[in-house]
Amino acid sequence: MGVSNWERCSHLWKLWPFQQLNDSTLITSVLRTHLFDRNQTVEDLLHFYPTIQYNDRGNIKEEVPNRYFLMYQEANYGDKSKQEVM
């Protein structure tokens, strides 16, 4: 974790390679997925959350389209369904 120039937003810094995450929904999804399957690092999980850029009336904006999703891969749920785990 680190200090950011974003005053009103949760943030998480991956220390190596450096990447600042500013979207609280993305941070929640990545950390929740990591807590479920600790074999996957945060860096590995971020590959499943690509950032896209788009032009919004002349301003270049970035967005992570699947930031609301948890990435369970082939995890073992035991007797529980995915819905029960979530």
Protein backbone atom coordinates (compact mmCIF):
# COMPACT_ATOMS: atom_id res chain seq x y z
CA MET A 1 0.00 0.00 0.00
CA GLY A 2 1.18 3.52 -0.58
CA VAL A 3 0.32 7.18 -0.77
CA SER A 4 -1.43 8.53 -3.85
CA ASN A 5 -2.30 11.90 -5.30
CA TRP A 6 -5.88 10.60 -5.57
CA GLU A 7 -7.44 12.00 -2.42
CA ARG A 8 -10.92 10.48 -2.53
CA CYS A 9 -10.24 7.04 -3.93
CA SER A 10 -8.93 3.83 -2.46
CA HIS A 11 -5.67 2.82 -4.00
CA LEU A 12 -3.24 -0.07 -4.01
CA TRP A 13 0.30 -0.09 -5.26
CA LYS A 14 1.89 -3.19 -6.60
CA LEU A 15 5.52 -2.72 -5.71
CA TRP A 16 7.20 -4.59 -8.57
CA PRO A 17 6.62 -3.79 -11.36
CA PHE A 18 5.13 -0.52 -10.14
CA GLN A 19 1.46 -0.05 -10.96
CA GLN A 20 -1.01 2.11 -9.08
CA LEU A 21 -4.60 0.84 -8.91
CA ASN A 22 -7.15 3.61 -8.39
CA ASP A 23 -10.46 1.85 -8.93
CA SER A 24 -11.86 0.63 -5.60
CA THR A 25 -14.05 -1.96 -7.34
CA LEU A 26 -11.03 -3.40 -9.14
CA ILE A 27 -9.02 -3.46 -5.91
CA THR A 28 -11.85 -5.30 -4.15
CA SER A 29 -12.22 -7.85 -6.96
CA VAL A 30 -8.47 -8.57 -7.16
CA LEU A 31 -8.03 -8.89 -3.39
CA ARG A 32 -11.14 -11.06 -2.96
CA THR A 33 -9.96 -13.35 -5.75
CA HIS A 34 -6.48 -13.53 -4.18
CA LEU A 35 -7.94 -14.39 -0.77
CA PHE A 36 -9.96 -17.21 -2.31
CA ASP A 37 -6.98 -18.66 -4.21
CA ARG A 38 -3.68 -17.59 -2.65
CA ASN A 39 -1.70 -19.55 -5.23
CA GLN A 40 -2.35 -16.67 -7.62
CA THR A 41 -0.41 -13.48 -6.98
CA VAL A 42 -1.96 -10.04 -7.36
CA GLU A 43 0.33 -9.49 -10.35
CA ASP A 44 -0.95 -12.68 -12.01
CA LEU A 45 -4.55 -11.71 -11.34
CA LEU A 46 -4.16 -8.29 -12.91
CA HIS A 47 -3.64 -9.98 -16.28
CA PHE A 48 -7.33 -10.88 -16.14
CA TYR A 49 -8.29 -7.21 -15.72
CA PRO A 50 -6.99 -5.44 -18.83
CA THR A 51 -7.33 -1.68 -19.12
CA ILE A 52 -8.86 -0.23 -22.27
CA GLN A 53 -8.53 3.35 -23.45
CA TYR A 54 -11.25 5.26 -25.26
CA ASN A 55 -11.87 8.78 -26.48
CA ASP A 56 -14.67 10.58 -24.66
CA ARG A 57 -15.29 13.90 -26.42
CA GLY A 58 -11.61 14.54 -26.96
CA ASN A 59 -10.47 13.22 -23.57
CA ILE A 60 -8.60 9.92 -23.40
CA LYS A 61 -10.06 7.81 -20.59
CA GLU A 62 -9.14 4.39 -19.20
CA GLU A 63 -11.49 1.72 -17.92
CA VAL A 64 -11.33 -1.88 -16.72
CA PRO A 65 -14.48 -3.43 -18.21
CA ASN A 66 -14.57 -6.59 -16.07
CA ARG A 67 -13.65 -4.97 -12.75
CA TYR A 68 -16.84 -6.31 -11.14
CA PHE A 69 -15.89 -9.96 -11.67
CA LEU A 70 -13.98 -12.39 -9.47
CA MET A 71 -11.57 -14.74 -11.27
CA TYR A 72 -11.95 -18.21 -9.78
CA GLN A 73 -10.08 -20.15 -12.49
CA GLU A 74 -10.24 -23.86 -11.78
CA ALA A 75 -10.43 -23.47 -8.03
CA ASN A 76 -11.80 -26.25 -5.86
CA TYR A 77 -15.03 -25.20 -4.14
CA GLY A 78 -15.51 -28.40 -2.18
CA ASP A 79 -19.23 -29.08 -1.83
CA LYS A 80 -20.18 -25.44 -2.49
CA SER A 81 -21.33 -23.95 -5.76
CA LYS A 82 -19.80 -20.77 -7.18
CA GLN A 83 -22.91 -18.89 -6.11
CA GLU A 84 -22.48 -19.98 -2.48
CA VAL A 85 -18.82 -18.95 -2.49
CA MET A 86 -19.62 -15.49 -3.80
